[in-house]
Amino acid sequence: MLYELGYTVKEGHIQDGTIIEAPKGRKKPDGSSTRDPEASFTKKNARSYHGYKGHIQTASKGPFILNTTYTTASVHDSQE
């Protein structure tokens, strides 16, 4: 797509964050919840998600995958 727009990538990294949804949980009659306490909320395209995020970093040349990290969903891609 970049090539079609006239851009040429010669070097650098590409990073993507993939949302891994976790169940939002339910309240139990005793007041506790089945929600995953380590997961967090984030919004993407005006939709709310609850879970985690997989951050994948690739190189434009050389080895395909450079690094992968997994965080709560609220961590922005630029922070990883």
PDB file of N, CA and C in Angstrom:
ATOM      1  N   MET A   1       0.827  -1.189   0.000  1.00  0.00           N
ATOM      2  CA  MET A   1       0.000   0.000   0.000  1.00  0.00           C
ATOM      3  C   MET A   1       0.876   1.260   0.000  1.00  0.00           C
ATOM      4  N   LEU A   2       1.964   1.248   0.797  1.00  0.00           N
ATOM      5  CA  LEU A   2       2.857   2.402   0.813  1.00  0.00           C
ATOM      6  C   LEU A   2       3.500   2.609  -0.552  1.00  0.00           C
ATOM      7  N   TYR A   3       3.896   1.518  -1.205  1.00  0.00           N
ATOM      8  CA  TYR A   3       4.505   1.599  -2.525  1.00  0.00           C
ATOM      9  C   TYR A   3       3.543   2.222  -3.523  1.00  0.00           C
ATOM     10  N   GLU A   4       2.268   1.850  -3.447  1.00  0.00           N
ATOM     11  CA  GLU A   4       1.264   2.406  -4.367  1.00  0.00           C
ATOM     12  C   GLU A   4       1.079   3.901  -4.155  1.00  0.00           C
ATOM     13  N   LEU A   5       1.310   4.379  -2.942  1.00  0.00           N
ATOM     14  CA  LEU A   5       1.189   5.805  -2.640  1.00  0.00           C
ATOM     15  C   LEU A   5       2.468   6.576  -2.926  1.00  0.00           C
ATOM     16  N   GLY A   6       3.509   5.868  -3.373  1.00  0.00           N
ATOM     17  CA  GLY A   6       4.755   6.535  -3.727  1.00  0.00           C
ATOM     18  C   GLY A   6       5.780   6.588  -2.612  1.00  0.00           C
ATOM     19  N   TYR A   7       5.543   5.872  -1.508  1.00  0.00           N
ATOM     20  CA  TYR A   7       6.491   5.842  -0.401  1.00  0.00           C
ATOM     21  C   TYR A   7       7.358   4.590  -0.502  1.00  0.00           C
ATOM     22  N   THR A   8       8.627   4.730  -0.156  1.00  0.00           N
ATOM     23  CA  THR A   8       9.535   3.592  -0.131  1.00  0.00           C
ATOM     24  C   THR A   8      10.160   3.513   1.248  1.00  0.00           C
ATOM     25  N   VAL A   9      10.003   2.356   1.886  1.00  0.00           N
ATOM     26  CA  VAL A   9      10.588   2.137   3.206  1.00  0.00           C
ATOM     27  C   VAL A   9      11.943   1.478   3.011  1.00  0.00           C
ATOM     28  N   LYS A  10      13.006   2.159   3.454  1.00  0.00           N
ATOM     29  CA  LYS A  10      14.355   1.622   3.284  1.00  0.00           C
ATOM     30  C   LYS A  10      14.870   0.982   4.560  1.00  0.00           C
ATOM     31  N   GLU A  11      14.462   1.477   5.709  1.00  0.00           N
ATOM     32  CA  GLU A  11      14.864   0.891   6.978  1.00  0.00           C
ATOM     33  C   GLU A  11      13.895   1.346   8.047  1.00  0.00           C
ATOM     34  N   GLY A  12      13.915   0.645   9.167  1.00  0.00           N
ATOM     35  CA  GLY A  12      13.051   1.019  10.275  1.00  0.00           C
ATOM     36  C   GLY A  12      12.324  -0.186  10.842  1.00  0.00           C
ATOM     37  N   HIS A  13      11.429   0.095  11.771  1.00  0.00           N
ATOM     38  CA  HIS A  13      10.652  -0.936  12.431  1.00  0.00           C
ATOM     39  C   HIS A  13       9.165  -0.650  12.263  1.00  0.00           C
ATOM     40  N   ILE A  14       8.408  -1.705  12.265  1.00  0.00           N
ATOM     41  CA  ILE A  14       6.951  -1.605  12.222  1.00  0.00           C
ATOM     42  C   ILE A  14       6.437  -2.236  13.502  1.00  0.00           C
ATOM     43  N   GLN A  15       5.520  -1.538  14.188  1.00  0.00           N
ATOM     44  CA  GLN A  15       4.979  -2.076  15.431  1.00  0.00           C
ATOM     45  C   GLN A  15       3.467  -2.099  15.343  1.00  0.00           C
ATOM     46  N   ASP A  16       2.890  -3.180  15.842  1.00  0.00           N
ATOM     47  CA  ASP A  16       1.441  -3.341  15.831  1.00  0.00           C
ATOM     48  C   ASP A  16       0.992  -3.864  17.177  1.00  0.00           C
ATOM     49  N   GLY A  17      -0.155  -3.419  17.622  1.00  0.00           N
ATOM     50  CA  GLY A  17      -0.748  -3.910  18.868  1.00  0.00           C
ATOM     51  C   GLY A  17      -2.031  -4.658  18.555  1.00  0.00           C
ATOM     52  N   THR A  18      -2.099  -5.908  18.980  1.00  0.00           N
ATOM     53  CA  THR A  18      -3.275  -6.735  18.757  1.00  0.00           C
ATOM     54  C   THR A  18      -4.008  -6.907  20.076  1.00  0.00           C
ATOM     55  N   ILE A  19      -5.291  -6.605  20.093  1.00  0.00           N
ATOM     56  CA  ILE A  19      -6.083  -6.728  21.308  1.00  0.00           C
ATOM     57  C   ILE A  19      -6.488  -8.186  21.501  1.00  0.00           C
ATOM     58  N   ILE A  20      -6.247  -8.692  22.710  1.00  0.00           N
ATOM     59  CA  ILE A  20      -6.633 -10.047  23.094  1.00  0.00           C
ATOM     60  C   ILE A  20      -7.722  -9.887  24.146  1.00  0.00           C
ATOM     61  N   GLU A  21      -8.959 -10.141  23.756  1.00  0.00           N
ATOM     62  CA  GLU A  21     -10.083  -9.893  24.658  1.00  0.00           C
ATOM     63  C   GLU A  21     -10.168 -10.933  25.767  1.00  0.00           C
ATOM     64  N   ALA A  22     -10.560 -10.462  26.939  1.00  0.00           N
ATOM     65  CA  ALA A  22     -10.834 -11.322  28.091  1.00  0.00           C
ATOM     66  C   ALA A  22     -12.307 -11.113  28.455  1.00  0.00           C
ATOM     67  N   PRO A  23     -12.954 -12.108  29.035  1.00  0.00           N
ATOM     68  CA  PRO A  23     -14.353 -11.920  29.431  1.00  0.00           C
ATOM     69  C   PRO A  23     -14.508 -10.744  30.394  1.00  0.00           C
ATOM     70  N   LYS A  24     -15.555  -9.965  30.202  1.00  0.00           N
ATOM     71  CA  LYS A  24     -15.786  -8.807  31.068  1.00  0.00           C
ATOM     72  C   LYS A  24     -16.220  -9.230  32.461  1.00  0.00           C
ATOM     73  N   GLY A  25     -16.683 -10.456  32.598  1.00  0.00           N
ATOM     74  CA  GLY A  25     -17.048 -10.982  33.914  1.00  0.00           C
ATOM     75  C   GLY A  25     -18.462 -10.600  34.319  1.00  0.00           C
ATOM     76  N   ARG A  26     -18.901 -11.220  35.395  1.00  0.00           N
ATOM     77  CA  ARG A  26     -20.233 -10.959  35.945  1.00  0.00           C
ATOM     78  C   ARG A  26     -20.125 -10.776  37.449  1.00  0.00           C
ATOM     79  N   LYS A  27     -21.088 -10.053  37.977  1.00  0.00           N
ATOM     80  CA  LYS A  27     -21.146  -9.899  39.428  1.00  0.00           C
ATOM     81  C   LYS A  27     -21.838 -11.115  40.015  1.00  0.00           C
ATOM     82  N   LYS A  28     -21.256 -11.632  41.080  1.00  0.00           N
ATOM     83  CA  LYS A  28     -21.851 -12.757  41.801  1.00  0.00           C
ATOM     84  C   LYS A  28     -22.805 -12.219  42.863  1.00  0.00           C
ATOM     85  N   PRO A  29     -23.714 -13.048  43.342  1.00  0.00           N
ATOM     86  CA  PRO A  29     -24.645 -12.586  44.388  1.00  0.00           C
ATOM     87  C   PRO A  29     -23.956 -12.072  45.653  1.00  0.00           C
ATOM     88  N   ASP A  30     -22.761 -12.583  45.951  1.00  0.00           N
ATOM     89  CA  ASP A  30     -22.046 -12.121  47.154  1.00  0.00           C
ATOM     90  C   ASP A  30     -21.310 -10.798  46.940  1.00  0.00           C
ATOM     91  N   GLY A  31     -21.406 -10.204  45.723  1.00  0.00           N
ATOM     92  CA  GLY A  31     -20.790  -8.909  45.436  1.00  0.00           C
ATOM     93  C   GLY A  31     -19.449  -9.005  44.751  1.00  0.00           C
ATOM     94  N   SER A  32     -18.848 -10.193  44.718  1.00  0.00           N
ATOM     95  CA  SER A  32     -17.571 -10.354  44.024  1.00  0.00           C
ATOM     96  C   SER A  32     -17.812 -10.444  42.516  1.00  0.00           C
ATOM     97  N   SER A  33     -16.727 -10.445  41.765  1.00  0.00           N
ATOM     98  CA  SER A  33     -16.838 -10.443  40.310  1.00  0.00           C
ATOM     99  C   SER A  33     -15.980 -11.551  39.711  1.00  0.00           C
ATOM    100  N   THR A  34     -16.382 -12.031  38.531  1.00  0.00           N
ATOM    101  CA  THR A  34     -15.592 -13.029  37.812  1.00  0.00           C
ATOM    102  C   THR A  34     -14.648 -12.369  36.810  1.00  0.00           C
ATOM    103  N   ARG A  35     -14.575 -11.042  36.805  1.00  0.00           N
ATOM    104  CA  ARG A  35     -13.712 -10.302  35.884  1.00  0.00           C
ATOM    105  C   ARG A  35     -12.246 -10.556  36.201  1.00  0.00           C
ATOM    106  N   ASP A  36     -11.435 -10.663  35.149  1.00  0.00           N
ATOM    107  CA  ASP A  36      -9.989 -10.846  35.300  1.00  0.00           C
ATOM    108  C   ASP A  36      -9.415  -9.565  35.912  1.00  0.00           C
ATOM    109  N   PRO A  37      -8.845  -9.626  37.125  1.00  0.00           N
ATOM    110  CA  PRO A  37      -8.377  -8.401  37.780  1.00  0.00           C
ATOM    111  C   PRO A  37      -7.137  -7.785  37.135  1.00  0.00           C
ATOM    112  N   GLU A  38      -6.379  -8.551  36.354  1.00  0.00           N
ATOM    113  CA  GLU A  38      -5.167  -8.012  35.728  1.00  0.00           C
ATOM    114  C   GLU A  38      -5.430  -7.378  34.367  1.00  0.00           C
ATOM    115  N   ALA A  39      -6.554  -7.688  33.739  1.00  0.00           N
ATOM    116  CA  ALA A  39      -6.895  -7.118  32.430  1.00  0.00           C
ATOM    117  C   ALA A  39      -7.368  -5.680  32.606  1.00  0.00           C
ATOM    118  N   SER A  40      -7.328  -4.897  31.521  1.00  0.00           N
ATOM    119  CA  SER A  40      -7.793  -3.511  31.585  1.00  0.00           C
ATOM    120  C   SER A  40      -8.627  -3.185  30.347  1.00  0.00           C
ATOM    121  N   PHE A  41      -9.215  -2.003  30.360  1.00  0.00           N
ATOM    122  CA  PHE A  41     -10.077  -1.573  29.258  1.00  0.00           C
ATOM    123  C   PHE A  41      -9.324  -0.636  28.320  1.00  0.00           C
ATOM    124  N   THR A  42      -9.718  -0.656  27.059  1.00  0.00           N
ATOM    125  CA  THR A  42      -9.221   0.286  26.057  1.00  0.00           C
ATOM    126  C   THR A  42     -10.325   0.508  25.037  1.00  0.00           C
ATOM    127  N   LYS A  43     -10.204   1.559  24.250  1.00  0.00           N
ATOM    128  CA  LYS A  43     -11.166   1.833  23.184  1.00  0.00           C
ATOM    129  C   LYS A  43     -10.455   1.850  21.851  1.00  0.00           C
ATOM    130  N   LYS A  44     -11.096   1.280  20.839  1.00  0.00           N
ATOM    131  CA  LYS A  44     -10.582   1.305  19.478  1.00  0.00           C
ATOM    132  C   LYS A  44     -11.787   1.461  18.562  1.00  0.00           C
ATOM    133  N   ASN A  45     -11.749   2.478  17.712  1.00  0.00           N
ATOM    134  CA  ASN A  45     -12.866   2.777  16.804  1.00  0.00           C
ATOM    135  C   ASN A  45     -14.187   2.887  17.555  1.00  0.00           C
ATOM    136  N   ALA A  46     -14.179   3.612  18.674  1.00  0.00           N
ATOM    137  CA  ALA A  46     -15.351   3.893  19.502  1.00  0.00           C
ATOM    138  C   ALA A  46     -15.958   2.638  20.131  1.00  0.00           C
ATOM    139  N   ARG A  47     -15.231   1.526  20.142  1.00  0.00           N
ATOM    140  CA  ARG A  47     -15.702   0.297  20.787  1.00  0.00           C
ATOM    141  C   ARG A  47     -14.797  -0.004  21.975  1.00  0.00           C
ATOM    142  N   SER A  48     -15.393  -0.413  23.078  1.00  0.00           N
ATOM    143  CA  SER A  48     -14.654  -0.709  24.288  1.00  0.00           C
ATOM    144  C   SER A  48     -14.238  -2.181  24.315  1.00  0.00           C
ATOM    145  N   TYR A  49     -12.986  -2.448  24.718  1.00  0.00           N
ATOM    146  CA  TYR A  49     -12.453  -3.804  24.818  1.00  0.00           C
ATOM    147  C   TYR A  49     -11.906  -4.015  26.223  1.00  0.00           C
ATOM    148  N   HIS A  50     -12.009  -5.234  26.722  1.00  0.00           N
ATOM    149  CA  HIS A  50     -11.449  -5.605  28.019  1.00  0.00           C
ATOM    150  C   HIS A  50     -10.492  -6.757  27.802  1.00  0.00           C
ATOM    151  N   GLY A  51      -9.235  -6.602  28.223  1.00  0.00           N
ATOM    152  CA  GLY A  51      -8.289  -7.693  28.051  1.00  0.00           C
ATOM    153  C   GLY A  51      -6.851  -7.239  28.061  1.00  0.00           C
ATOM    154  N   TYR A  52      -6.105  -7.785  27.115  1.00  0.00           N
ATOM    155  CA  TYR A  52      -4.659  -7.572  27.031  1.00  0.00           C
ATOM    156  C   TYR A  52      -4.300  -7.126  25.615  1.00  0.00           C
ATOM    157  N   LYS A  53      -3.034  -6.751  25.430  1.00  0.00           N
ATOM    158  CA  LYS A  53      -2.577  -6.345  24.108  1.00  0.00           C
ATOM    159  C   LYS A  53      -1.235  -7.002  23.827  1.00  0.00           C
ATOM    160  N   GLY A  54      -1.120  -7.603  22.636  1.00  0.00           N
ATOM    161  CA  GLY A  54       0.142  -8.160  22.182  1.00  0.00           C
ATOM    162  C   GLY A  54       0.824  -7.155  21.279  1.00  0.00           C
ATOM    163  N   HIS A  55       2.032  -6.738  21.633  1.00  0.00           N
ATOM    164  CA  HIS A  55       2.792  -5.766  20.848  1.00  0.00           C
ATOM    165  C   HIS A  55       3.843  -6.531  20.051  1.00  0.00           C
ATOM    166  N   ILE A  56       3.775  -6.453  18.743  1.00  0.00           N
ATOM    167  CA  ILE A  56       4.706  -7.171  17.878  1.00  0.00           C
ATOM    168  C   ILE A  56       5.517  -6.157  17.091  1.00  0.00           C
ATOM    169  N   GLN A  57       6.845  -6.274  17.148  1.00  0.00           N
ATOM    170  CA  GLN A  57       7.731  -5.357  16.426  1.00  0.00           C
ATOM    171  C   GLN A  57       8.480  -6.143  15.361  1.00  0.00           C
ATOM    172  N   THR A  58       8.436  -5.633  14.127  1.00  0.00           N
ATOM    173  CA  THR A  58       9.121  -6.278  13.009  1.00  0.00           C
ATOM    174  C   THR A  58      10.080  -5.288  12.360  1.00  0.00           C
ATOM    175  N   ALA A  59      11.039  -5.813  11.618  1.00  0.00           N
ATOM    176  CA  ALA A  59      12.002  -4.982  10.899  1.00  0.00           C
ATOM    177  C   ALA A  59      11.619  -4.932   9.431  1.00  0.00           C
ATOM    178  N   SER A  60      11.938  -3.815   8.778  1.00  0.00           N
ATOM    179  CA  SER A  60      11.670  -3.718   7.347  1.00  0.00           C
ATOM    180  C   SER A  60      12.642  -4.575   6.544  1.00  0.00           C
ATOM    181  N   LYS A  61      13.788  -4.902   7.134  1.00  0.00           N
ATOM    182  CA  LYS A  61      14.778  -5.793   6.508  1.00  0.00           C
ATOM    183  C   LYS A  61      15.291  -6.754   7.573  1.00  0.00           C
ATOM    184  N   GLY A  62      15.816  -7.879   7.168  1.00  0.00           N
ATOM    185  CA  GLY A  62      16.405  -8.820   8.121  1.00  0.00           C
ATOM    186  C   GLY A  62      15.372  -9.730   8.746  1.00  0.00           C
ATOM    187  N   PRO A  63      15.596 -10.114  10.026  1.00  0.00           N
ATOM    188  CA  PRO A  63      14.667 -11.030  10.691  1.00  0.00           C
ATOM    189  C   PRO A  63      13.260 -10.432  10.724  1.00  0.00           C
ATOM    190  N   PHE A  64      12.286 -11.270  10.540  1.00  0.00           N
ATOM    191  CA  PHE A  64      10.921 -10.762  10.442  1.00  0.00           C
ATOM    192  C   PHE A  64      10.403 -10.236  11.776  1.00  0.00           C
ATOM    193  N   ILE A  65      10.424 -11.034  12.841  1.00  0.00           N
ATOM    194  CA  ILE A  65       9.921 -10.584  14.138  1.00  0.00           C
ATOM    195  C   ILE A  65      11.110 -10.259  15.037  1.00  0.00           C
ATOM    196  N   LEU A  66      11.152  -9.018  15.529  1.00  0.00           N
ATOM    197  CA  LEU A  66      12.237  -8.582  16.404  1.00  0.00           C
ATOM    198  C   LEU A  66      11.902  -8.773  17.873  1.00  0.00           C
ATOM    199  N   ASN A  67      10.654  -8.465  18.246  1.00  0.00           N
ATOM    200  CA  ASN A  67      10.301  -8.471  19.657  1.00  0.00           C
ATOM    201  C   ASN A  67       8.793  -8.632  19.809  1.00  0.00           C
ATOM    202  N   THR A  68       8.388  -9.329  20.855  1.00  0.00           N
ATOM    203  CA  THR A  68       6.970  -9.409  21.213  1.00  0.00           C
ATOM    204  C   THR A  68       6.852  -9.177  22.711  1.00  0.00           C
ATOM    205  N   THR A  69       5.863  -8.392  23.108  1.00  0.00           N
ATOM    206  CA  THR A  69       5.555  -8.186  24.521  1.00  0.00           C
ATOM    207  C   THR A  69       4.046  -8.212  24.684  1.00  0.00           C
ATOM    208  N   TYR A  70       3.605  -8.542  25.880  1.00  0.00           N
ATOM    209  CA  TYR A  70       2.175  -8.592  26.183  1.00  0.00           C
ATOM    210  C   TYR A  70       1.926  -7.765  27.426  1.00  0.00           C
ATOM    211  N   THR A  71       0.942  -6.859  27.316  1.00  0.00           N
ATOM    212  CA  THR A  71       0.620  -5.953  28.415  1.00  0.00           C
ATOM    213  C   THR A  71      -0.887  -5.904  28.588  1.00  0.00           C
ATOM    214  N   THR A  72      -1.335  -5.113  29.564  1.00  0.00           N
ATOM    215  CA  THR A  72      -2.767  -4.880  29.681  1.00  0.00           C
ATOM    216  C   THR A  72      -3.204  -4.039  28.479  1.00  0.00           C
ATOM    217  N   ALA A  73      -4.473  -4.058  28.192  1.00  0.00           N
ATOM    218  CA  ALA A  73      -4.990  -3.393  26.988  1.00  0.00           C
ATOM    219  C   ALA A  73      -4.807  -1.880  27.022  1.00  0.00           C
ATOM    220  N   SER A  74      -4.671  -1.288  28.195  1.00  0.00           N
ATOM    221  CA  SER A  74      -4.586   0.171  28.276  1.00  0.00           C
ATOM    222  C   SER A  74      -3.229   0.750  27.891  1.00  0.00           C
ATOM    223  N   VAL A  75      -2.198  -0.101  27.749  1.00  0.00           N
ATOM    224  CA  VAL A  75      -0.860   0.385  27.378  1.00  0.00           C
ATOM    225  C   VAL A  75      -0.845   0.734  25.888  1.00  0.00           C
ATOM    226  N   HIS A  76      -0.434   1.963  25.574  1.00  0.00           N
ATOM    227  CA  HIS A  76      -0.385   2.416  24.180  1.00  0.00           C
ATOM    228  C   HIS A  76       0.781   1.753  23.456  1.00  0.00           C
ATOM    229  N   ASP A  77       0.610   1.543  22.137  1.00  0.00           N
ATOM    230  CA  ASP A  77       1.653   0.896  21.331  1.00  0.00           C
ATOM    231  C   ASP A  77       2.993   1.639  21.422  1.00  0.00           C
ATOM    232  N   SER A  78       2.961   2.947  21.506  1.00  0.00           N
ATOM    233  CA  SER A  78       4.204   3.722  21.538  1.00  0.00           C
ATOM    234  C   SER A  78       4.975   3.538  22.847  1.00  0.00           C
ATOM    235  N   GLN A  79       4.349   2.980  23.871  1.00  0.00           N
ATOM    236  CA  GLN A  79       5.012   2.764  25.155  1.00  0.00           C
ATOM    237  C   GLN A  79       5.808   1.475  25.196  1.00  0.00           C
ATOM    238  N   GLU A  80       5.651   0.627  24.187  1.00  0.00           N
ATOM    239  CA  GLU A  80       6.348  -0.668  24.146  1.00  0.00           C
ATOM    240  C   GLU A  80       7.391  -0.673  23.055  1.00  0.00           C
TER     241      GLU A  80
END
